[in-house]
Amino acid sequence: MTMQARSDEQLEHDQLEHELNRTLSSPEARFGVRMRKNLSAEGLQDRVMETEAASLESTFAHLRASAAVPQAAAIILGSRRKFIAGEGKSAAYAALLNADLAATVPNVYLIDGHALNPLDVLSDVRSTDVLVLFSLRRYRRETVTLGRLFSEAGGQLVVFTDSEAAPLAPFATSLIVLQTGSASYADSPTSVAAVCHLLSTLTTASAKGARRRLATRDELNHEMNLYFDHRNDEDAP
């Protein structure tokens, strides 16, 4: 069998797996199919590891072809204010990206419903603003509404999602599609976290003043004594 034939066969297998995964729309449905009682811990571990590696590989291959991440990085760099949001489990991804971007670029704001809520953002959207949204199945209604209204108000929208047919796809300025297939009852977070890291790295690499901001933060971390230091006698056990 030629390498091209193997590649085509793998693509067909990946597509079938993706289609099956999309039919299992809830954690309960996935649990019923994937959590076999007669499967050992070692066997399940192997299945999860293999599936996570395959999902990540498939995601990276798709993103290399689409160039969606460099496009998103350029949009973020060209925007004056950068808002980030996600609901439910996706709130964790939003917090992750916010932590990395806020350290290296200015005017990054996490819409968390406490310090900053969607109503405040939507009441003052400008064409120079960007909103990075995490919208993964089962697609939280408030996230879809926020993204639609932000786009209709004239802001740019970067969407992390798991399907080109996702509810926010028609409104996205940049659509980052990830594979979240898993051997678990939960959809995989691996590709989402990895692409957050990729996006923050590309953005930081081209951001003016990123190194200066990091150096300033290091000085402040030291002054505020934020981190455990084994070299410090006061921190020694």
Protein backbone atom coordinates (compact mmCIF):
# COMPACT_ATOMS: atom_id res chain seq x y z
CA MET A 1 0.00 0.00 0.00
CA THR A 2 1.40 3.41 -0.99
CA MET A 3 1.85 6.29 1.44
CA GLN A 4 -0.87 8.25 -0.41
CA ALA A 5 -3.27 5.32 -0.11
CA ARG A 6 -2.57 5.04 3.61
CA SER A 7 -3.10 8.77 3.98
CA ASP A 8 -6.44 8.60 2.15
CA GLU A 9 -7.49 5.63 4.26
CA GLN A 10 -6.61 7.49 7.44
CA LEU A 11 -8.54 10.54 6.32
CA GLU A 12 -11.60 8.39 5.63
CA HIS A 13 -11.26 6.74 9.05
CA ASP A 14 -10.91 10.13 10.76
CA GLN A 15 -14.02 11.40 8.95
CA LEU A 16 -16.07 8.40 10.06
CA GLU A 17 -14.87 8.82 13.64
CA HIS A 18 -15.73 12.52 13.51
CA GLU A 19 -19.24 11.81 12.21
CA LEU A 20 -19.84 9.22 14.94
CA ASN A 21 -18.53 11.62 17.56
CA ARG A 22 -20.92 14.34 16.38
CA THR A 23 -23.91 12.04 16.92
CA LEU A 24 -22.94 11.58 20.59
CA SER A 25 -24.08 15.03 21.61
CA SER A 26 -24.22 14.65 25.41
CA PRO A 27 -21.86 13.29 28.08
CA GLU A 28 -24.45 10.66 28.98
CA ALA A 29 -24.62 9.42 25.38
CA ARG A 30 -20.84 9.26 25.14
CA PHE A 31 -20.60 7.44 28.47
CA GLY A 32 -23.00 4.75 27.26
CA VAL A 33 -20.91 4.06 24.14
CA ARG A 34 -17.37 4.47 25.46
CA MET A 35 -17.24 3.45 29.12
CA ARG A 36 -17.27 -0.35 28.86
CA LYS A 37 -17.41 -2.15 32.18
CA ASN A 38 -15.09 -4.94 31.03
CA LEU A 39 -12.32 -2.57 29.90
CA SER A 40 -9.27 -2.43 32.17
CA ALA A 41 -7.79 0.83 33.42
CA GLU A 42 -4.70 0.19 31.28
CA GLY A 43 -6.84 -0.48 28.21
CA LEU A 44 -8.88 2.68 28.72
CA GLN A 45 -5.70 4.67 29.31
CA ASP A 46 -4.27 3.50 25.98
CA ARG A 47 -7.50 4.36 24.15
CA VAL A 48 -7.65 7.86 25.65
CA MET A 49 -3.98 8.58 24.92
CA GLU A 50 -4.26 7.37 21.32
CA THR A 51 -7.43 9.36 20.69
CA GLU A 52 -6.03 12.54 22.21
CA ALA A 53 -2.90 12.30 20.05
CA ALA A 54 -5.02 11.70 16.93
CA SER A 55 -7.32 14.65 17.68
CA LEU A 56 -4.38 16.97 18.17
CA GLU A 57 -2.67 15.78 14.99
CA SER A 58 -5.87 16.22 12.99
CA THR A 59 -6.44 19.70 14.43
CA PHE A 60 -2.92 20.85 13.58
CA ALA A 61 -3.19 19.47 10.04
CA HIS A 62 -6.45 21.34 9.48
CA LEU A 63 -5.10 24.60 10.93
CA ARG A 64 -1.95 24.44 8.80
CA ALA A 65 -4.16 24.26 5.72
CA SER A 66 -6.59 26.97 6.82
CA ALA A 67 -4.10 29.49 8.28
CA ALA A 68 -6.87 30.47 10.71
CA VAL A 69 -4.57 30.94 13.71
CA PRO A 70 -2.15 33.42 12.06
CA GLN A 71 -5.21 35.28 10.79
CA ALA A 72 -6.67 35.42 14.30
CA ALA A 73 -3.34 36.62 15.72
CA ALA A 74 -3.25 39.45 13.15
CA ILE A 75 -6.80 40.47 14.05
CA ILE A 76 -5.95 40.55 17.76
CA LEU A 77 -2.80 42.58 17.16
CA GLY A 78 -4.71 45.06 15.00
CA SER A 79 -7.46 45.55 17.57
CA ARG A 80 -7.46 48.23 20.24
CA ARG A 81 -9.48 46.27 22.84
CA LYS A 82 -9.40 42.49 23.11
CA PHE A 83 -12.30 40.77 24.87
CA ILE A 84 -12.34 37.05 25.67
CA ALA A 85 -15.31 34.96 26.81
CA GLY A 86 -16.70 31.46 27.23
CA GLU A 87 -19.41 29.86 29.35
CA GLY A 88 -19.46 26.61 31.33
CA LYS A 89 -16.38 24.48 30.66
CA SER A 90 -15.33 26.98 28.00
CA ALA A 91 -14.85 29.62 30.70
CA ALA A 92 -11.68 27.73 31.65
CA TYR A 93 -10.32 28.05 28.10
CA ALA A 94 -11.16 31.76 28.08
CA ALA A 95 -9.31 32.24 31.38
CA LEU A 96 -6.30 30.34 30.01
CA LEU A 97 -6.02 32.48 26.89
CA ASN A 98 -6.66 35.65 28.87
CA ALA A 99 -3.81 34.84 31.29
CA ASP A 100 -1.32 34.37 28.46
CA LEU A 101 -2.39 37.32 26.31
CA ALA A 102 -2.76 39.81 29.16
CA ALA A 103 0.88 39.26 30.06
CA THR A 104 2.16 40.42 26.69
CA VAL A 105 -0.37 42.68 24.95
CA PRO A 106 -2.36 45.66 26.25
CA ASN A 107 -6.11 46.06 26.75
CA VAL A 108 -7.07 42.40 27.21
CA TYR A 109 -10.33 41.89 29.12
CA LEU A 110 -11.99 38.70 30.32
CA ILE A 111 -15.81 38.81 30.21
CA ASP A 112 -16.50 36.78 33.34
CA GLY A 113 -19.89 38.12 34.38
CA HIS A 114 -18.41 39.66 37.53
CA ALA A 115 -15.68 42.24 36.92
CA LEU A 116 -16.94 42.62 33.35
CA ASN A 117 -20.31 41.51 32.06
CA PRO A 118 -21.61 41.10 28.48
CA LEU A 119 -24.09 43.99 28.75
CA ASP A 120 -21.30 46.47 29.51
CA VAL A 121 -19.30 45.25 26.51
CA LEU A 122 -22.21 45.18 24.07
CA SER A 123 -23.27 48.71 24.99
CA ASP A 124 -19.96 50.12 23.71
CA VAL A 125 -18.70 47.99 20.79
CA ARG A 126 -16.31 49.69 18.39
CA SER A 127 -15.01 48.60 14.99
CA THR A 128 -11.52 48.39 16.50
CA ASP A 129 -12.62 45.80 19.09
CA VAL A 130 -12.23 42.04 18.86
CA LEU A 131 -14.04 39.36 20.84
CA VAL A 132 -12.46 35.91 21.14
CA LEU A 133 -15.21 33.40 21.95
CA PHE A 134 -15.07 29.74 22.90
CA SER A 135 -18.23 28.07 21.60
CA LEU A 136 -18.10 24.28 21.75
CA ARG A 137 -20.94 21.80 21.76
CA ARG A 138 -23.49 21.83 23.21
CA TYR A 139 -23.10 25.54 22.38
CA ARG A 140 -24.20 27.68 25.30
CA ARG A 141 -27.02 29.99 24.27
CA GLU A 142 -25.58 33.08 26.00
CA THR A 143 -22.27 32.66 24.14
CA VAL A 144 -24.00 32.46 20.78
CA THR A 145 -26.09 35.54 21.59
CA LEU A 146 -23.05 37.50 22.76
CA GLY A 147 -21.09 36.68 19.62
CA ARG A 148 -23.96 37.51 17.27
CA LEU A 149 -24.72 40.85 18.93
CA PHE A 150 -21.03 41.80 19.09
CA SER A 151 -20.62 41.09 15.38
CA GLU A 152 -23.80 42.94 14.46
CA ALA A 153 -22.55 45.95 16.46
CA GLY A 154 -19.47 46.12 14.22
CA GLY A 155 -16.83 44.30 16.25
CA GLN A 156 -14.59 41.54 14.93
CA LEU A 157 -15.16 37.99 16.12
CA VAL A 158 -12.62 35.19 16.57
CA VAL A 159 -14.40 31.90 17.32
CA PHE A 160 -12.91 28.71 18.74
CA THR A 161 -15.34 25.93 17.87
CA ASP A 162 -15.58 22.29 16.87
CA SER A 163 -17.52 22.45 13.62
CA GLU A 164 -17.74 24.64 10.55
CA ALA A 165 -21.52 24.39 11.00
CA ALA A 166 -21.40 25.75 14.57
CA PRO A 167 -23.97 28.47 15.41
CA LEU A 168 -21.41 31.28 15.44
CA ALA A 169 -19.63 30.27 12.22
CA PRO A 170 -21.60 32.72 10.01
CA PHE A 171 -20.62 35.65 12.26
CA ALA A 172 -16.92 34.85 12.68
CA THR A 173 -14.24 37.07 11.21
CA SER A 174 -11.85 34.20 11.93
CA LEU A 175 -13.09 30.66 12.58
CA ILE A 176 -10.73 28.27 14.39
CA VAL A 177 -12.12 24.74 14.03
CA LEU A 178 -10.79 22.11 16.44
CA GLN A 179 -11.14 18.35 16.75
CA THR A 180 -12.50 17.42 20.16
CA GLY A 181 -13.08 13.71 19.56
CA SER A 182 -12.37 11.60 22.63
CA ALA A 183 -12.47 8.09 24.09
CA SER A 184 -14.04 9.59 27.21
CA TYR A 185 -17.54 10.71 28.18
CA ALA A 186 -16.19 14.28 27.96
CA ASP A 187 -15.13 15.97 24.73
CA SER A 188 -11.38 16.42 24.56
CA PRO A 189 -9.84 19.67 25.86
CA THR A 190 -6.41 18.83 24.41
CA SER A 191 -6.69 20.61 21.07
CA VAL A 192 -8.41 23.63 22.62
CA ALA A 193 -5.64 24.17 25.17
CA ALA A 194 -2.93 23.54 22.57
CA VAL A 195 -4.37 26.07 20.11
CA CYS A 196 -4.81 28.64 22.90
CA HIS A 197 -1.08 28.24 23.46
CA LEU A 198 -0.39 28.49 19.72
CA LEU A 199 -2.49 31.65 19.32
CA SER A 200 -0.95 33.42 22.32
CA THR A 201 2.55 32.51 21.07
CA LEU A 202 1.95 33.87 17.55
CA THR A 203 0.34 37.01 18.93
CA THR A 204 3.14 37.66 21.42
CA ALA A 205 5.87 37.07 18.83
CA SER A 206 4.65 40.07 16.81
CA ALA A 207 3.39 42.28 19.64
CA LYS A 208 5.21 45.57 20.19
CA GLY A 209 6.46 45.90 23.74
CA ALA A 210 5.82 42.25 24.67
CA ARG A 211 9.32 41.71 26.03
CA ARG A 212 9.18 44.98 27.99
CA ARG A 213 5.84 44.00 29.51
CA LEU A 214 7.18 40.61 30.54
CA ALA A 215 10.26 42.19 32.10
CA THR A 216 8.09 44.64 34.04
CA ARG A 217 5.90 41.80 35.28
CA ASP A 218 8.97 39.90 36.45
CA GLU A 219 10.07 42.91 38.48
CA LEU A 220 6.61 43.28 40.00
CA ASN A 221 6.39 39.56 40.76
CA HIS A 222 9.64 39.89 42.69
CA GLU A 223 8.56 43.05 44.51
CA MET A 224 5.24 41.50 45.50
CA ASN A 225 6.89 38.20 46.47
CA LEU A 226 4.25 36.21 44.57
CA TYR A 227 6.10 32.97 43.94
CA PHE A 228 7.76 30.32 46.07
CA ASP A 229 11.55 30.52 45.78
CA HIS A 230 13.67 27.58 46.95
CA ARG A 231 16.69 29.87 47.05
CA ASN A 232 15.02 32.10 49.60
CA ASP A 233 15.68 31.09 53.21
CA GLU A 234 12.23 32.33 54.24
CA ASP A 235 10.59 29.92 51.75
CA ALA A 236 12.76 26.94 52.62
CA PRO A 237 10.96 24.09 54.43
